[in-house]
Amino acid sequence: MVLLPIMWGLFRVYFGLHFLSDIVAGGLLAVLSFQLSMWILAQRF
């Protein structure tokens, strides 16, 4: 399940659609958003 987004990002870098830093920043933003959402939900319930 995790392999597909990683491969998709690497293919986009390979074909020149993105820089590697774009893919890494997007992944870090996704992890940060997930952690923040889990923290907010834990505080509410």
C-alpha atoms as a PDB file:
ATOM      1  CA  MET A   1       0.000   0.000   0.000  1.00  0.00           C
ATOM      2  CA  VAL A   2       2.903   2.352   0.662  1.00  0.00           C
ATOM      3  CA  LEU A   3       4.888   1.180  -2.347  1.00  0.00           C
ATOM      4  CA  LEU A   4       2.473   2.627  -4.934  1.00  0.00           C
ATOM      5  CA  PRO A   5       2.773   6.309  -3.889  1.00  0.00           C
ATOM      6  CA  ILE A   6       6.545   5.996  -3.565  1.00  0.00           C
ATOM      7  CA  MET A   7       6.879   4.484  -7.031  1.00  0.00           C
ATOM      8  CA  TRP A   8       4.458   7.059  -8.469  1.00  0.00           C
ATOM      9  CA  GLY A   9       6.584   9.884  -7.055  1.00  0.00           C
ATOM     10  CA  LEU A  10       9.802   8.349  -8.377  1.00  0.00           C
ATOM     11  CA  PHE A  11       8.266   7.939 -11.841  1.00  0.00           C
ATOM     12  CA  ARG A  12       7.253  11.609 -11.827  1.00  0.00           C
ATOM     13  CA  VAL A  13      10.847  12.560 -11.002  1.00  0.00           C
ATOM     14  CA  TYR A  14      12.158  10.170 -13.668  1.00  0.00           C
ATOM     15  CA  PHE A  15       9.936  11.675 -16.368  1.00  0.00           C
ATOM     16  CA  GLY A  16      10.850  15.233 -15.334  1.00  0.00           C
ATOM     17  CA  LEU A  17       7.489  16.293 -13.944  1.00  0.00           C
ATOM     18  CA  HIS A  18       8.798  17.018 -10.431  1.00  0.00           C
ATOM     19  CA  PHE A  19      12.009  17.494  -8.523  1.00  0.00           C
ATOM     20  CA  LEU A  20      12.881  14.980  -5.819  1.00  0.00           C
ATOM     21  CA  SER A  21      12.542  17.723  -3.192  1.00  0.00           C
ATOM     22  CA  ASP A  22       8.871  18.196  -4.244  1.00  0.00           C
ATOM     23  CA  ILE A  23       8.154  14.525  -3.610  1.00  0.00           C
ATOM     24  CA  VAL A  24       9.960  14.480  -0.257  1.00  0.00           C
ATOM     25  CA  ALA A  25       8.248  17.681   0.907  1.00  0.00           C
ATOM     26  CA  GLY A  26       4.844  16.299  -0.085  1.00  0.00           C
ATOM     27  CA  GLY A  27       5.497  13.093   1.824  1.00  0.00           C
ATOM     28  CA  LEU A  28       6.603  14.981   4.929  1.00  0.00           C
ATOM     29  CA  LEU A  29       3.554  17.221   4.713  1.00  0.00           C
ATOM     30  CA  ALA A  30       1.316  14.143   4.492  1.00  0.00           C
ATOM     31  CA  VAL A  31       2.918  12.580   7.580  1.00  0.00           C
ATOM     32  CA  LEU A  32       2.663  15.846   9.506  1.00  0.00           C
ATOM     33  CA  SER A  33      -1.001  16.264   8.539  1.00  0.00           C
ATOM     34  CA  PHE A  34      -1.793  12.709   9.607  1.00  0.00           C
ATOM     35  CA  GLN A  35      -0.063  13.141  12.969  1.00  0.00           C
ATOM     36  CA  LEU A  36      -1.802  16.463  13.589  1.00  0.00           C
ATOM     37  CA  SER A  37      -5.193  14.946  12.731  1.00  0.00           C
ATOM     38  CA  MET A  38      -4.603  12.023  15.088  1.00  0.00           C
ATOM     39  CA  TRP A  39      -3.569  14.411  17.862  1.00  0.00           C
ATOM     40  CA  ILE A  40      -6.688  16.574  17.352  1.00  0.00           C
ATOM     41  CA  LEU A  41      -8.965  13.529  17.351  1.00  0.00           C
ATOM     42  CA  ALA A  42      -7.319  12.188  20.501  1.00  0.00           C
ATOM     43  CA  GLN A  43      -7.979  15.505  22.249  1.00  0.00           C
ATOM     44  CA  ARG A  44     -11.659  15.546  21.257  1.00  0.00           C
ATOM     45  CA  PHE A  45     -12.652  11.995  22.116  1.00  0.00           C
END
